[in-house]
PDB file of N, CA and C in Angstrom:
ATOM      1  N   UNK A   1     -32.611 -11.830 -48.634  1.00  0.00           N
ATOM      2  CA  UNK A   1     -31.772 -11.737 -47.607  1.00  0.00           C
ATOM      3  C   UNK A   1     -32.508 -11.569 -46.147  1.00  0.00           C
ATOM      4  N   UNK A   2     -33.708 -11.046 -46.118  1.00  0.00           N
ATOM      5  CA  UNK A   2     -34.543 -10.980 -44.934  1.00  0.00           C
ATOM      6  C   UNK A   2     -34.943 -12.432 -44.539  1.00  0.00           C
ATOM      7  N   UNK A   3     -35.339 -13.215 -45.510  1.00  0.00           N
ATOM      8  CA  UNK A   3     -35.879 -14.503 -45.305  1.00  0.00           C
ATOM      9  C   UNK A   3     -34.665 -15.337 -44.676  1.00  0.00           C
ATOM     10  N   UNK A   4     -33.426 -15.197 -45.178  1.00  0.00           N
ATOM     11  CA  UNK A   4     -32.436 -15.912 -44.598  1.00  0.00           C
ATOM     12  C   UNK A   4     -32.083 -15.453 -43.036  1.00  0.00           C
ATOM     13  N   UNK A   5     -32.224 -14.237 -42.840  1.00  0.00           N
ATOM     14  CA  UNK A   5     -32.033 -13.818 -41.365  1.00  0.00           C
ATOM     15  C   UNK A   5     -33.259 -14.475 -40.552  1.00  0.00           C
ATOM     16  N   UNK A   6     -34.362 -14.542 -40.979  1.00  0.00           N
ATOM     17  CA  UNK A   6     -35.522 -15.144 -40.147  1.00  0.00           C
ATOM     18  C   UNK A   6     -35.087 -16.667 -39.981  1.00  0.00           C
ATOM     19  N   UNK A   7     -34.671 -17.312 -41.099  1.00  0.00           N
ATOM     20  CA  UNK A   7     -34.354 -18.604 -40.977  1.00  0.00           C
ATOM     21  C   UNK A   7     -33.168 -18.865 -40.015  1.00  0.00           C
ATOM     22  N   UNK A   8     -32.171 -17.985 -40.065  1.00  0.00           N
ATOM     23  CA  UNK A   8     -31.096 -18.194 -39.079  1.00  0.00           C
ATOM     24  C   UNK A   8     -31.600 -17.964 -37.627  1.00  0.00           C
ATOM     25  N   UNK A   9     -32.538 -17.052 -37.299  1.00  0.00           N
ATOM     26  CA  UNK A   9     -32.991 -16.864 -36.128  1.00  0.00           C
ATOM     27  C   UNK A   9     -33.898 -17.904 -35.533  1.00  0.00           C
ATOM     28  N   UNK A  10     -34.575 -18.636 -36.570  1.00  0.00           N
ATOM     29  CA  UNK A  10     -35.469 -19.753 -36.230  1.00  0.00           C
ATOM     30  C   UNK A  10     -34.434 -20.876 -35.778  1.00  0.00           C
ATOM     31  N   UNK A  11     -33.442 -20.985 -36.502  1.00  0.00           N
ATOM     32  CA  UNK A  11     -32.453 -22.203 -36.245  1.00  0.00           C
ATOM     33  C   UNK A  11     -31.892 -21.992 -34.951  1.00  0.00           C
ATOM     34  N   UNK A  12     -31.453 -20.657 -34.601  1.00  0.00           N
ATOM     35  CA  UNK A  12     -30.883 -20.378 -33.245  1.00  0.00           C
ATOM     36  C   UNK A  12     -31.885 -20.755 -32.158  1.00  0.00           C
ATOM     37  N   UNK A  13     -33.030 -20.308 -32.196  1.00  0.00           N
ATOM     38  CA  UNK A  13     -34.186 -20.642 -31.401  1.00  0.00           C
ATOM     39  C   UNK A  13     -34.341 -22.183 -31.224  1.00  0.00           C
ATOM     40  N   UNK A  14     -34.337 -22.696 -32.234  1.00  0.00           N
ATOM     41  CA  UNK A  14     -34.612 -24.158 -32.224  1.00  0.00           C
ATOM     42  C   UNK A  14     -33.526 -24.907 -31.693  1.00  0.00           C
ATOM     43  N   UNK A  15     -32.135 -24.392 -31.762  1.00  0.00           N
ATOM     44  CA  UNK A  15     -31.145 -25.126 -31.231  1.00  0.00           C
ATOM     45  C   UNK A  15     -31.085 -24.883 -29.697  1.00  0.00           C
ATOM     46  N   UNK A  16     -31.479 -23.700 -29.227  1.00  0.00           N
ATOM     47  CA  UNK A  16     -31.556 -23.369 -27.757  1.00  0.00           C
ATOM     48  C   UNK A  16     -32.675 -24.283 -27.180  1.00  0.00           C
ATOM     49  N   UNK A  17     -33.697 -24.343 -27.836  1.00  0.00           N
ATOM     50  CA  UNK A  17     -34.801 -25.226 -27.340  1.00  0.00           C
ATOM     51  C   UNK A  17     -34.448 -26.855 -27.192  1.00  0.00           C
ATOM     52  N   UNK A  18     -33.603 -27.214 -28.273  1.00  0.00           N
ATOM     53  CA  UNK A  18     -33.167 -28.528 -28.341  1.00  0.00           C
ATOM     54  C   UNK A  18     -32.252 -28.774 -27.109  1.00  0.00           C
ATOM     55  N   UNK A  19     -31.309 -27.758 -26.934  1.00  0.00           N
ATOM     56  CA  UNK A  19     -30.383 -27.839 -25.806  1.00  0.00           C
ATOM     57  C   UNK A  19     -31.097 -28.134 -24.431  1.00  0.00           C
ATOM     58  N   UNK A  20     -32.139 -27.080 -24.364  1.00  0.00           N
ATOM     59  CA  UNK A  20     -32.897 -27.222 -23.043  1.00  0.00           C
ATOM     60  C   UNK A  20     -33.688 -28.605 -22.960  1.00  0.00           C
ATOM     61  N   UNK A  21     -34.205 -29.125 -24.035  1.00  0.00           N
ATOM     62  CA  UNK A  21     -34.775 -30.497 -23.919  1.00  0.00           C
ATOM     63  C   UNK A  21     -33.786 -31.495 -23.612  1.00  0.00           C
ATOM     64  N   UNK A  22     -32.628 -31.232 -24.283  1.00  0.00           N
ATOM     65  CA  UNK A  22     -31.607 -32.334 -24.073  1.00  0.00           C
ATOM     66  C   UNK A  22     -31.275 -32.384 -22.451  1.00  0.00           C
ATOM     67  N   UNK A  23     -31.035 -31.187 -21.886  1.00  0.00           N
ATOM     68  CA  UNK A  23     -30.789 -31.176 -20.403  1.00  0.00           C
ATOM     69  C   UNK A  23     -31.893 -31.846 -19.663  1.00  0.00           C
ATOM     70  N   UNK A  24     -33.145 -31.501 -19.973  1.00  0.00           N
ATOM     71  CA  UNK A  24     -34.359 -32.079 -19.193  1.00  0.00           C
ATOM     72  C   UNK A  24     -34.270 -33.676 -19.399  1.00  0.00           C
ATOM     73  N   UNK A  25     -33.863 -34.134 -20.597  1.00  0.00           N
ATOM     74  CA  UNK A  25     -33.928 -35.495 -20.950  1.00  0.00           C
ATOM     75  C   UNK A  25     -32.800 -36.165 -20.076  1.00  0.00           C
ATOM     76  N   UNK A  26     -31.526 -35.525 -20.000  1.00  0.00           N
ATOM     77  CA  UNK A  26     -30.567 -36.139 -19.204  1.00  0.00           C
ATOM     78  C   UNK A  26     -30.884 -36.138 -17.790  1.00  0.00           C
ATOM     79  N   UNK A  27     -31.629 -35.116 -17.359  1.00  0.00           N
ATOM     80  CA  UNK A  27     -31.990 -35.080 -15.746  1.00  0.00           C
ATOM     81  C   UNK A  27     -32.926 -36.220 -15.496  1.00  0.00           C
ATOM     82  N   UNK A  28     -33.912 -36.457 -16.530  1.00  0.00           N
ATOM     83  CA  UNK A  28     -34.767 -37.568 -16.317  1.00  0.00           C
ATOM     84  C   UNK A  28     -34.311 -38.803 -16.437  1.00  0.00           C
ATOM     85  N   UNK A  29     -33.273 -39.118 -17.328  1.00  0.00           N
ATOM     86  CA  UNK A  29     -32.491 -40.304 -17.378  1.00  0.00           C
ATOM     87  C   UNK A  29     -31.830 -40.535 -16.033  1.00  0.00           C
ATOM     88  N   UNK A  30     -31.095 -39.413 -15.585  1.00  0.00           N
ATOM     89  CA  UNK A  30     -30.323 -39.558 -14.348  1.00  0.00           C
ATOM     90  C   UNK A  30     -31.304 -40.028 -13.296  1.00  0.00           C
ATOM     91  N   UNK A  31     -32.489 -39.372 -13.027  1.00  0.00           N
ATOM     92  CA  UNK A  31     -33.453 -39.686 -12.020  1.00  0.00           C
ATOM     93  C   UNK A  31     -33.805 -40.930 -12.097  1.00  0.00           C
ATOM     94  N   UNK A  32     -34.137 -41.520 -13.404  1.00  0.00           N
ATOM     95  CA  UNK A  32     -34.619 -42.969 -13.450  1.00  0.00           C
ATOM     96  C   UNK A  32     -33.540 -43.868 -13.145  1.00  0.00           C
ATOM     97  N   UNK A  33     -32.273 -43.630 -13.531  1.00  0.00           N
ATOM     98  CA  UNK A  33     -31.143 -44.442 -13.187  1.00  0.00           C
ATOM     99  C   UNK A  33     -30.962 -44.535 -11.621  1.00  0.00           C
ATOM    100  N   UNK A  34     -31.200 -43.453 -10.982  1.00  0.00           N
ATOM    101  CA  UNK A  34     -31.112 -43.427  -9.531  1.00  0.00           C
ATOM    102  C   UNK A  34     -32.146 -44.300  -8.778  1.00  0.00           C
ATOM    103  N   UNK A  35     -33.449 -44.240  -9.461  1.00  0.00           N
ATOM    104  CA  UNK A  35     -34.516 -44.989  -9.029  1.00  0.00           C
ATOM    105  C   UNK A  35     -34.236 -46.565  -9.105  1.00  0.00           C
ATOM    106  N   UNK A  36     -33.627 -46.848 -10.164  1.00  0.00           N
ATOM    107  CA  UNK A  36     -33.293 -48.351 -10.520  1.00  0.00           C
ATOM    108  C   UNK A  36     -32.119 -48.795  -9.685  1.00  0.00           C
ATOM    109  N   UNK A  37     -31.156 -47.847  -9.441  1.00  0.00           N
ATOM    110  CA  UNK A  37     -29.834 -48.123  -8.732  1.00  0.00           C
ATOM    111  C   UNK A  37     -29.629 -47.063  -7.679  1.00  0.00           C
ATOM    112  N   UNK A  38     -30.294 -47.085  -6.584  1.00  0.00           N
ATOM    113  CA  UNK A  38     -29.980 -46.227  -5.542  1.00  0.00           C
ATOM    114  C   UNK A  38     -28.722 -46.229  -4.895  1.00  0.00           C
ATOM    115  N   UNK A  39     -27.937 -45.267  -4.695  1.00  0.00           N
ATOM    116  CA  UNK A  39     -26.588 -45.263  -4.213  1.00  0.00           C
ATOM    117  C   UNK A  39     -26.697 -45.539  -2.568  1.00  0.00           C
TER     118      UNK A  39
END
């Protein structure tokens, strides 16, 4: 049971990290797009 709890915690942490990475990625892509296509 304890192992499952640790695994769930790890997955939660991982998903949070992935979300943050996704946001950074989106911002980088947006920034690159603006560089290629300035408004």
